[in-house]
């Protein structure tokens, strides 16, 4: 007389294994269909797709490098700005870069924000353009949101800032004040 095997006990581990095997069979059939479809494509399309994917990977890699080297770039900018301030005889000293996340990230669209040592004020290093000439400048913003002057940080800025019209200088100072308001400073009137 033959004995019946005991009934199979179905537990959650067995069910998970069954689901995974089904997913594997479905995914392998999808891969086969994609291979079939790719075999019928013209070679010029394959080459274009390969080139586009290589370009996308380069852009992705450059973006990741740009994102993960932010602290290094901030430190290098901090050091070079402090050297430029010391050379020009200005008694300011930048202490640390402010973070770029959240609402402060929108303010960072103007330039790089820093804290000043021994002061509640903040400073922003940014690029301004006039007459097609780029110039790096610094603006100091007090805790109550006042910014009056632009400090030149490059030789172009030393030559360009005295030639700026009051309207253009006012425009940049207004943008600095608006950007400071995003950090939680006072609203611009």
Protein backbone atom coordinates (compact mmCIF):
# COMPACT_ATOMS: atom_id res chain seq x y z
CA UNK A 1 0.00 0.00 0.00
CA UNK A 2 1.30 3.43 -0.99
CA UNK A 3 1.33 6.18 1.52
CA UNK A 4 0.35 9.65 0.54
CA UNK A 5 2.93 12.33 1.03
CA UNK A 6 2.02 14.77 3.73
CA UNK A 7 0.21 17.86 2.48
CA UNK A 8 2.56 20.71 1.65
CA UNK A 9 2.52 23.37 4.28
CA UNK A 10 2.28 26.78 2.65
CA UNK A 11 3.89 29.43 4.74
CA UNK A 12 4.80 33.00 3.92
CA UNK A 13 8.34 32.05 2.86
CA UNK A 14 6.97 29.62 0.27
CA UNK A 15 4.55 32.24 -1.05
CA UNK A 16 7.31 34.80 -1.37
CA UNK A 17 9.44 32.27 -3.26
CA UNK A 18 6.55 31.53 -5.63
CA UNK A 19 6.01 35.23 -6.28
CA UNK A 20 9.72 35.76 -6.93
CA UNK A 21 9.80 32.86 -9.39
CA UNK A 22 6.81 34.34 -11.25
CA UNK A 23 8.48 37.76 -11.38
CA UNK A 24 11.64 36.10 -12.73
CA UNK A 25 9.76 34.32 -15.48
CA UNK A 26 7.88 37.49 -16.45
CA UNK A 27 11.05 39.61 -16.45
CA UNK A 28 12.94 37.04 -18.54
CA UNK A 29 10.13 37.03 -21.11
CA UNK A 30 10.23 40.85 -21.19
CA UNK A 31 13.99 40.79 -21.73
CA UNK A 32 13.56 38.32 -24.60
CA UNK A 33 10.94 40.56 -26.21
CA UNK A 34 13.24 43.59 -25.89
CA UNK A 35 16.13 41.64 -27.45
CA UNK A 36 13.83 40.62 -30.31
CA UNK A 37 12.74 44.22 -30.80
CA UNK A 38 16.33 45.50 -30.74
CA UNK A 39 17.41 42.93 -33.31
CA UNK A 40 15.02 44.45 -35.86
CA UNK A 41 16.15 48.06 -35.37
CA UNK A 42 18.36 49.70 -37.98
CA UNK A 43 22.05 50.03 -37.01
CA UNK A 44 21.99 53.85 -37.27
CA UNK A 45 19.29 53.99 -34.58
CA UNK A 46 21.31 51.68 -32.33
CA UNK A 47 24.39 53.87 -32.75
CA UNK A 48 22.39 57.02 -32.01
CA UNK A 49 20.83 55.42 -28.94
CA UNK A 50 24.26 54.28 -27.73
CA UNK A 51 25.69 57.78 -28.22
CA UNK A 52 22.73 59.37 -26.41
CA UNK A 53 23.07 56.96 -23.48
CA UNK A 54 26.81 57.68 -23.23
CA UNK A 55 26.09 61.42 -23.24
CA UNK A 56 23.42 60.98 -20.55
CA UNK A 57 25.86 59.02 -18.38
CA UNK A 58 28.52 61.73 -18.74
CA UNK A 59 26.03 64.40 -17.72
CA UNK A 60 24.90 62.29 -14.76
CA UNK A 61 28.51 61.69 -13.67
CA UNK A 62 29.34 65.40 -13.96
CA UNK A 63 26.25 66.28 -11.92
CA UNK A 64 27.19 63.83 -9.18
CA UNK A 65 30.76 65.13 -9.06
CA UNK A 66 29.45 68.72 -8.91
CA UNK A 67 27.04 67.82 -6.10
CA UNK A 68 29.50 65.85 -3.95
CA UNK A 69 32.38 68.32 -4.27
CA UNK A 70 30.33 71.24 -2.94
CA UNK A 71 32.17 71.44 0.43
CA UNK A 72 35.56 71.49 -1.32
CA UNK A 73 34.44 74.25 -3.70
CA UNK A 74 32.96 76.26 -0.81
CA UNK A 75 36.23 76.02 1.14
CA UNK A 76 38.30 77.07 -1.89
CA UNK A 77 36.02 80.06 -2.54
CA UNK A 78 36.13 81.04 1.14
CA UNK A 79 39.93 80.97 1.14
CA UNK A 80 40.30 82.96 -2.09
CA UNK A 81 37.76 85.60 -1.02
CA UNK A 82 39.50 86.06 2.33
CA UNK A 83 42.82 86.51 0.50
CA UNK A 84 41.25 89.07 -1.85
CA UNK A 85 39.76 90.96 1.11
CA UNK A 86 43.12 90.98 2.91
CA UNK A 87 44.90 92.27 -0.23
CA UNK A 88 42.36 95.07 -0.70
CA UNK A 89 42.71 96.22 2.92
CA UNK A 90 39.09 95.49 3.90
CA UNK A 91 38.81 94.40 7.52
CA UNK A 92 36.19 91.70 6.85
CA UNK A 93 36.85 88.00 7.31
CA UNK A 94 34.45 85.34 6.07
CA UNK A 95 33.92 82.47 8.46
CA UNK A 96 31.81 79.69 6.89
CA UNK A 97 29.58 78.99 3.93
CA UNK A 98 25.84 78.88 4.55
CA UNK A 99 23.92 75.75 3.50
CA UNK A 100 22.15 75.55 0.15
CA UNK A 101 19.07 73.57 1.13
CA UNK A 102 15.43 74.56 1.49
CA UNK A 103 14.53 78.20 1.25
CA UNK A 104 18.20 79.10 1.47
CA UNK A 105 18.76 77.21 -1.78
CA UNK A 106 16.70 79.80 -3.63
CA UNK A 107 18.83 82.55 -2.11
CA UNK A 108 21.94 80.72 -3.31
CA UNK A 109 20.85 81.37 -6.89
CA UNK A 110 22.33 84.86 -6.54
CA UNK A 111 25.72 83.65 -5.33
CA UNK A 112 27.47 81.99 -2.39
CA UNK A 113 26.45 83.17 1.07
CA UNK A 114 28.88 83.28 4.00
CA UNK A 115 28.84 84.23 7.66
CA UNK A 116 31.21 86.92 8.88
CA UNK A 117 33.47 86.25 11.84
CA UNK A 118 32.60 88.26 14.91
CA UNK A 119 29.37 89.59 13.41
CA UNK A 120 25.72 88.69 12.89
CA UNK A 121 25.94 89.97 9.33
CA UNK A 122 26.07 87.80 6.24
CA UNK A 123 27.99 88.30 3.04
CA UNK A 124 27.27 87.14 -0.48
CA UNK A 125 29.88 86.64 -3.21
CA UNK A 126 28.36 86.97 -6.65
CA UNK A 127 29.12 87.79 -10.26
CA UNK A 128 27.83 91.00 -11.76
CA UNK A 129 27.91 92.04 -15.39
CA UNK A 130 28.07 95.49 -16.90
CA UNK A 131 29.10 96.48 -20.42
CA UNK A 132 29.74 92.79 -21.11
CA UNK A 133 32.45 92.62 -18.45
CA UNK A 134 32.08 90.06 -15.65
CA UNK A 135 33.17 91.15 -12.19
CA UNK A 136 33.18 89.33 -8.84
CA UNK A 137 31.82 91.40 -5.96
CA UNK A 138 30.88 90.97 -2.32
CA UNK A 139 27.95 92.55 -0.53
CA UNK A 140 27.58 92.59 3.26
CA UNK A 141 24.03 92.40 4.60
CA UNK A 142 23.32 93.42 8.19
CA UNK A 143 20.94 91.33 10.34
CA UNK A 144 18.14 93.83 9.68
CA UNK A 145 18.56 93.40 5.90
CA UNK A 146 20.51 96.55 5.02
CA UNK A 147 23.12 96.38 2.26
CA UNK A 148 24.69 99.59 0.99
CA UNK A 149 27.90 98.89 -0.86
CA UNK A 150 29.44 96.41 -3.22
CA UNK A 151 33.05 95.43 -2.46
CA UNK A 152 35.18 94.50 -5.49
CA UNK A 153 36.99 91.16 -5.34
CA UNK A 154 38.64 91.04 -8.76
CA UNK A 155 40.65 93.44 -10.88
CA UNK A 156 37.70 93.71 -13.27
CA UNK A 157 35.45 94.65 -10.36
CA UNK A 158 37.89 97.33 -9.16
CA UNK A 159 37.69 98.97 -12.59
CA UNK A 160 33.96 98.34 -13.16
CA UNK A 161 32.31 99.27 -9.84
CA UNK A 162 33.14 103.01 -10.01
CA UNK A 163 31.66 103.07 -13.53
CA UNK A 164 28.38 101.38 -12.55
CA UNK A 165 25.34 103.59 -12.89
CA UNK A 166 23.41 104.13 -9.65
CA UNK A 167 20.44 102.24 -11.15
CA UNK A 168 22.54 99.15 -11.92
CA UNK A 169 24.20 99.18 -8.50
CA UNK A 170 20.77 99.65 -6.91
CA UNK A 171 19.45 96.68 -8.88
CA UNK A 172 22.18 94.38 -7.57
CA UNK A 173 21.78 95.66 -4.00
CA UNK A 174 18.01 95.10 -4.24
CA UNK A 175 18.59 91.52 -5.43
CA UNK A 176 20.96 90.94 -2.50
CA UNK A 177 18.35 92.25 -0.03
CA UNK A 178 15.62 90.06 -1.56
CA UNK A 179 17.89 87.06 -1.44
CA UNK A 180 18.73 87.79 2.22
CA UNK A 181 15.02 87.82 3.04
CA UNK A 182 14.83 84.16 2.00
CA UNK A 183 17.23 83.28 4.82
CA UNK A 184 14.75 84.62 7.33
CA UNK A 185 15.96 88.18 7.42
CA UNK A 186 13.58 91.11 7.34
CA UNK A 187 11.34 91.50 4.32
CA UNK A 188 12.38 94.00 1.68
CA UNK A 189 10.28 97.14 1.49
